Amino acid sequence: MIQALIIFVAQLILVPVLTLRTITMVKGMKEKAAALGMLEGIIYVVALGIVFSDLSNYLNMVAYALGFGVGIYLGQILEQKLAIGFVTVEVNIMNKNEELTSHLRDEGFSVSTAEVQGMHEARRYRLDCTARRDREAEFIKIVSTYEPSAFIVSYEPRNFKGGYITKAMKKNKKNKQVKNKADTSV
């Protein structure tokens, strides 16, 4: 029974680690992905070693499968909470809404606007924003408050260069470097 519990807990840890490793790998965070991969490998070998040590113990196999399933669920929750990376949001609205645009900018979102042509030459207005993923829901909530019938689509950009976010990231990187130098000189 204790082996089954160890296997179950190992799977609860393994699958979220696997999720994080995949995310960091896709986002190009090589060092973090490698470290998580090593941890994943250790947990995997230990859990499977216990299962394979006694193939007549069905409880261990059930614990492995159950832990894997629950681990996937926990991994998804963890991924949503961390919201690593950026999201691009496009919003199409019927009328130019300066109040909405101003509010979004006041909240720190970089918003570009453009007049676009819809079906039958109908005029629409498009708002474009790239922001951290952890602010996506906040952005959509603000837009929905001002424009309940807005068409909103979001996606993750593979890469980007220049613009408001890049400047902010460089500023943050410089601030971290200055802080690290100050910490090491003390």
Protein backbone atom coordinates (compact mmCIF):
# COMPACT_ATOMS: atom_id res chain seq x y z
CA MET A 1 0.00 0.00 0.00
CA ILE A 2 2.87 2.40 0.82
CA GLN A 3 4.37 1.73 -2.62
CA ALA A 4 1.10 2.67 -4.32
CA LEU A 5 1.00 5.90 -2.33
CA ILE A 6 4.60 6.73 -3.29
CA ILE A 7 3.79 6.07 -6.96
CA PHE A 8 0.64 8.22 -6.80
CA VAL A 9 2.48 11.15 -5.18
CA ALA A 10 5.38 10.78 -7.64
CA GLN A 11 2.92 11.06 -10.54
CA LEU A 12 1.26 14.09 -8.93
CA ILE A 13 4.67 15.77 -8.97
CA LEU A 14 5.88 14.34 -12.29
CA VAL A 15 3.10 15.51 -14.57
CA PRO A 16 3.10 19.19 -13.48
CA VAL A 17 6.90 19.15 -13.84
CA LEU A 18 6.45 17.65 -17.33
CA THR A 19 3.95 20.43 -18.13
CA LEU A 20 6.34 23.14 -16.96
CA ARG A 21 9.24 21.55 -18.84
CA THR A 22 7.21 21.54 -22.05
CA ILE A 23 6.18 25.18 -21.61
CA THR A 24 9.72 26.35 -20.86
CA MET A 25 11.02 24.39 -23.83
CA VAL A 26 8.45 25.89 -26.21
CA LYS A 27 9.19 29.38 -24.84
CA GLY A 28 12.91 28.91 -25.50
CA MET A 29 13.99 28.76 -21.84
CA LYS A 30 16.66 26.12 -22.43
CA GLU A 31 18.29 26.04 -18.99
CA LYS A 32 15.01 25.82 -17.10
CA ALA A 33 13.70 23.17 -19.49
CA ALA A 34 16.88 21.10 -19.00
CA ALA A 35 16.67 21.34 -15.19
CA LEU A 36 13.00 20.38 -15.18
CA GLY A 37 13.78 17.53 -17.60
CA MET A 38 16.37 16.11 -15.18
CA LEU A 39 13.87 16.26 -12.30
CA GLU A 40 11.23 14.68 -14.53
CA GLY A 41 13.59 11.84 -15.45
CA ILE A 42 14.44 11.06 -11.83
CA ILE A 43 10.79 10.97 -10.73
CA TYR A 44 9.83 8.90 -13.79
CA VAL A 45 12.50 6.27 -13.21
CA VAL A 46 11.67 5.94 -9.49
CA ALA A 47 7.92 5.55 -10.09
CA LEU A 48 8.30 3.13 -12.98
CA GLY A 49 10.97 1.19 -11.09
CA ILE A 50 8.51 0.53 -8.29
CA VAL A 51 5.77 -0.48 -10.75
CA PHE A 52 8.06 -2.80 -12.72
CA SER A 53 9.51 -4.37 -9.59
CA ASP A 54 6.22 -6.26 -9.09
CA LEU A 55 4.01 -6.51 -12.16
CA SER A 56 1.52 -8.66 -10.26
CA ASN A 57 0.68 -5.68 -8.00
CA TYR A 58 -2.26 -4.09 -9.79
CA LEU A 59 -2.67 -1.49 -7.06
CA ASN A 60 0.68 0.05 -8.07
CA MET A 61 -0.43 0.18 -11.71
CA VAL A 62 -3.73 1.81 -10.78
CA ALA A 63 -1.89 4.32 -8.56
CA TYR A 64 0.42 5.15 -11.49
CA ALA A 65 -2.47 5.73 -13.90
CA LEU A 66 -4.59 7.61 -11.36
CA GLY A 67 -1.66 9.80 -10.32
CA PHE A 68 -0.93 10.54 -13.97
CA GLY A 69 -4.54 11.62 -14.62
CA VAL A 70 -4.79 13.80 -11.53
CA GLY A 71 -1.31 15.18 -12.27
CA ILE A 72 -2.46 16.31 -15.72
CA TYR A 73 -5.35 18.18 -14.12
CA LEU A 74 -3.01 19.82 -11.57
CA GLY A 75 -0.50 20.64 -14.32
CA GLN A 76 -3.15 22.51 -16.28
CA ILE A 77 -4.20 24.49 -13.21
CA LEU A 78 -0.56 25.34 -12.49
CA GLU A 79 0.03 26.43 -16.10
CA GLN A 80 -3.02 28.71 -16.01
CA LYS A 81 -1.93 30.26 -12.72
CA LEU A 82 1.63 30.90 -13.91
CA ALA A 83 0.49 32.20 -17.35
CA ILE A 84 4.05 32.29 -18.67
CA GLY A 85 4.63 34.37 -21.79
CA PHE A 86 2.62 36.84 -23.80
CA VAL A 87 -0.69 36.99 -25.61
CA THR A 88 -1.85 39.12 -28.53
CA VAL A 89 -5.45 40.22 -28.38
CA GLU A 90 -7.41 41.60 -31.33
CA VAL A 91 -10.72 43.31 -30.68
CA ASN A 92 -13.24 44.32 -33.35
CA ILE A 93 -15.90 46.84 -32.35
CA MET A 94 -18.61 48.67 -34.27
CA ASN A 95 -17.67 52.23 -33.28
CA LYS A 96 -14.53 54.06 -32.30
CA ASN A 97 -14.52 54.03 -28.51
CA GLU A 98 -11.97 56.52 -27.18
CA GLU A 99 -13.12 55.95 -23.62
CA LEU A 100 -12.31 52.23 -23.88
CA THR A 101 -8.93 52.88 -25.51
CA SER A 102 -8.02 55.47 -22.87
CA HIS A 103 -9.05 53.16 -20.03
CA LEU A 104 -6.97 50.29 -21.43
CA ARG A 105 -3.95 52.58 -21.78
CA ASP A 106 -4.48 53.95 -18.27
CA GLU A 107 -4.37 50.34 -17.02
CA GLY A 108 -0.96 49.90 -18.69
CA PHE A 109 -1.98 48.07 -21.86
CA SER A 110 -0.33 49.05 -25.13
CA VAL A 111 -3.23 49.49 -27.53
CA SER A 112 -3.02 50.23 -31.23
CA THR A 113 -6.18 51.20 -33.07
CA ALA A 114 -7.13 51.08 -36.71
CA GLU A 115 -10.20 51.59 -38.83
CA VAL A 116 -10.92 48.45 -40.82
CA GLN A 117 -13.45 47.43 -43.42
CA GLY A 118 -15.87 44.61 -42.68
CA MET A 119 -18.40 42.84 -44.89
CA HIS A 120 -20.38 45.00 -47.30
CA GLU A 121 -17.86 47.82 -46.77
CA ALA A 122 -19.00 48.27 -43.17
CA ARG A 123 -16.64 50.33 -41.01
CA ARG A 124 -15.29 48.64 -37.92
CA TYR A 125 -12.57 49.52 -35.46
CA ARG A 126 -9.84 47.18 -34.38
CA LEU A 127 -7.81 47.32 -31.21
CA ASP A 128 -4.55 45.38 -31.04
CA CYS A 129 -2.65 44.64 -27.85
CA THR A 130 0.19 42.37 -26.84
CA ALA A 131 0.43 41.84 -23.10
CA ARG A 132 1.61 39.36 -20.51
CA ARG A 133 -0.61 36.27 -20.43
CA ASP A 134 -1.48 36.83 -16.80
CA ARG A 135 -3.30 40.04 -17.83
CA GLU A 136 -5.38 38.55 -20.66
CA ALA A 137 -8.53 38.05 -18.58
CA GLU A 138 -8.25 41.58 -17.19
CA PHE A 139 -8.00 43.02 -20.72
CA ILE A 140 -11.00 41.04 -21.95
CA LYS A 141 -13.06 42.04 -18.89
CA ILE A 142 -12.40 45.75 -19.51
CA VAL A 143 -13.28 45.43 -23.20
CA SER A 144 -16.45 43.46 -22.39
CA THR A 145 -17.54 46.14 -19.91
CA TYR A 146 -17.31 48.88 -22.53
CA GLU A 147 -18.22 46.81 -25.60
CA PRO A 148 -20.34 43.73 -24.68
CA SER A 149 -20.76 42.72 -28.35
CA ALA A 150 -17.06 43.05 -29.25
CA PHE A 151 -15.44 40.27 -31.25
CA ILE A 152 -12.31 39.30 -29.30
CA VAL A 153 -9.65 36.83 -30.37
CA SER A 154 -6.38 36.09 -28.61
CA TYR A 155 -3.36 34.02 -29.50
CA GLU A 156 0.20 33.53 -28.35
CA PRO A 157 2.85 35.17 -30.54
CA ARG A 158 5.91 33.05 -31.27
CA ASN A 159 8.21 36.05 -31.13
CA PHE A 160 8.18 39.80 -31.46
CA LYS A 161 10.62 42.67 -31.79
CA GLY A 162 10.33 46.33 -30.82
CA GLY A 163 7.35 48.16 -29.45
CA TYR A 164 6.07 48.97 -25.98
CA ILE A 165 6.61 45.50 -24.46
CA THR A 166 10.19 45.19 -25.69
CA LYS A 167 11.04 48.59 -24.18
CA ALA A 168 9.43 47.60 -20.87
CA MET A 169 11.33 44.28 -20.85
CA LYS A 170 14.65 46.07 -21.49
CA LYS A 171 13.85 48.49 -18.65
CA ASN A 172 13.08 45.58 -16.29
CA LYS A 173 16.25 43.76 -17.38
CA LYS A 174 18.37 46.86 -16.69
CA ASN A 175 16.72 47.34 -13.30
CA LYS A 176 17.44 43.69 -12.39
CA GLN A 177 21.09 44.03 -13.51
CA VAL A 178 21.55 47.21 -11.45
CA LYS A 179 19.91 45.50 -8.44
CA ASN A 180 22.09 42.39 -8.86
CA LYS A 181 25.26 44.54 -9.03
CA ALA A 182 24.17 46.39 -5.90
CA ASP A 183 23.47 43.08 -4.13
CA THR A 184 26.85 41.58 -5.04
CA SER A 185 28.81 44.68 -4.04
CA VAL A 186 27.36 44.67 -0.52
